[in-house]
Amino acid sequence: MGLFSKKESKVSQDTNENLQKIKDDIENDIEDLESKIKEKNERLRTIIEKIELSKKEYNEIVGKIIQ
């Protein structure tokens, strides 16, 4: 019986180590993805600001032309 419990303990320990490694890898992947999303959101915000400014300038020019 002692032989089986040692093997089961080793398998259990290996499984726990593998699960912890997988968990750590997933957490790192999530952090990387969150960072990329943040960067892309900042870039998108910049693009939207430029579009809004261009729209405002366009409307001003068209308004002057119409007058």
Protein backbone atom coordinates (compact mmCIF):
# COMPACT_ATOMS: atom_id res chain seq x y z
CA MET A 1 0.00 0.00 0.00
CA GLY A 2 2.81 2.40 0.76
CA LEU A 3 4.10 2.03 -2.79
CA PHE A 4 0.80 3.12 -4.34
CA SER A 5 0.39 6.12 -2.06
CA LYS A 6 3.86 7.39 -3.02
CA LYS A 7 3.04 7.09 -6.73
CA GLU A 8 -0.35 8.74 -6.23
CA SER A 9 1.31 11.52 -4.24
CA LYS A 10 3.89 12.05 -6.99
CA VAL A 11 1.19 12.08 -9.69
CA SER A 12 -0.89 14.47 -7.62
CA GLN A 13 2.12 16.76 -7.10
CA ASP A 14 2.99 16.68 -10.81
CA THR A 15 -0.62 17.45 -11.69
CA ASN A 16 -0.71 20.37 -9.29
CA GLU A 17 2.56 21.72 -10.68
CA ASN A 18 1.26 21.41 -14.24
CA LEU A 19 -2.00 23.11 -13.31
CA GLN A 20 -0.11 25.93 -11.60
CA LYS A 21 2.10 26.38 -14.68
CA ILE A 22 -0.95 26.48 -16.92
CA LYS A 23 -2.62 28.98 -14.59
CA ASP A 24 0.48 31.20 -14.59
CA ASP A 25 0.71 31.01 -18.39
CA ILE A 26 -2.95 31.97 -18.74
CA GLU A 27 -2.56 34.88 -16.32
CA ASN A 28 0.44 36.14 -18.31
CA ASP A 29 -1.52 35.82 -21.55
CA ILE A 30 -4.42 37.76 -20.01
CA GLU A 31 -2.09 40.53 -18.85
CA ASP A 32 -0.53 40.74 -22.33
CA LEU A 33 -3.96 40.90 -23.95
CA GLU A 34 -5.16 43.57 -21.52
CA SER A 35 -2.06 45.62 -22.30
CA LYS A 36 -2.62 45.28 -26.04
CA ILE A 37 -6.29 46.23 -25.66
CA LYS A 38 -5.31 49.31 -23.66
CA GLU A 39 -2.81 50.37 -26.34
CA LYS A 40 -5.35 49.84 -29.12
CA ASN A 41 -8.02 51.77 -27.20
CA GLU A 42 -5.63 54.69 -26.80
CA ARG A 43 -4.83 54.58 -30.51
CA LEU A 44 -8.53 54.41 -31.37
CA ARG A 45 -9.26 57.37 -29.09
CA THR A 46 -6.56 59.37 -30.88
CA ILE A 47 -8.01 58.49 -34.27
CA ILE A 48 -11.52 59.42 -33.15
CA GLU A 49 -10.26 62.79 -31.87
CA LYS A 50 -8.61 63.47 -35.23
CA ILE A 51 -11.79 62.52 -37.10
CA GLU A 52 -13.89 64.78 -34.88
CA LEU A 53 -11.47 67.67 -35.43
CA SER A 54 -11.53 67.10 -39.19
CA LYS A 55 -15.33 66.99 -39.14
CA LYS A 56 -15.45 70.27 -37.20
CA GLU A 57 -13.03 71.94 -39.60
CA TYR A 58 -14.96 70.59 -42.60
CA ASN A 59 -18.24 71.92 -41.22
CA GLU A 60 -16.65 75.34 -40.60
CA ILE A 61 -15.29 75.50 -44.15
CA VAL A 62 -18.57 74.37 -45.71
CA GLY A 63 -20.40 76.91 -43.55
CA LYS A 64 -18.13 79.71 -44.80
CA ILE A 65 -18.59 78.61 -48.41
CA ILE A 66 -22.36 78.58 -48.09
CA GLN A 67 -22.42 82.11 -46.64
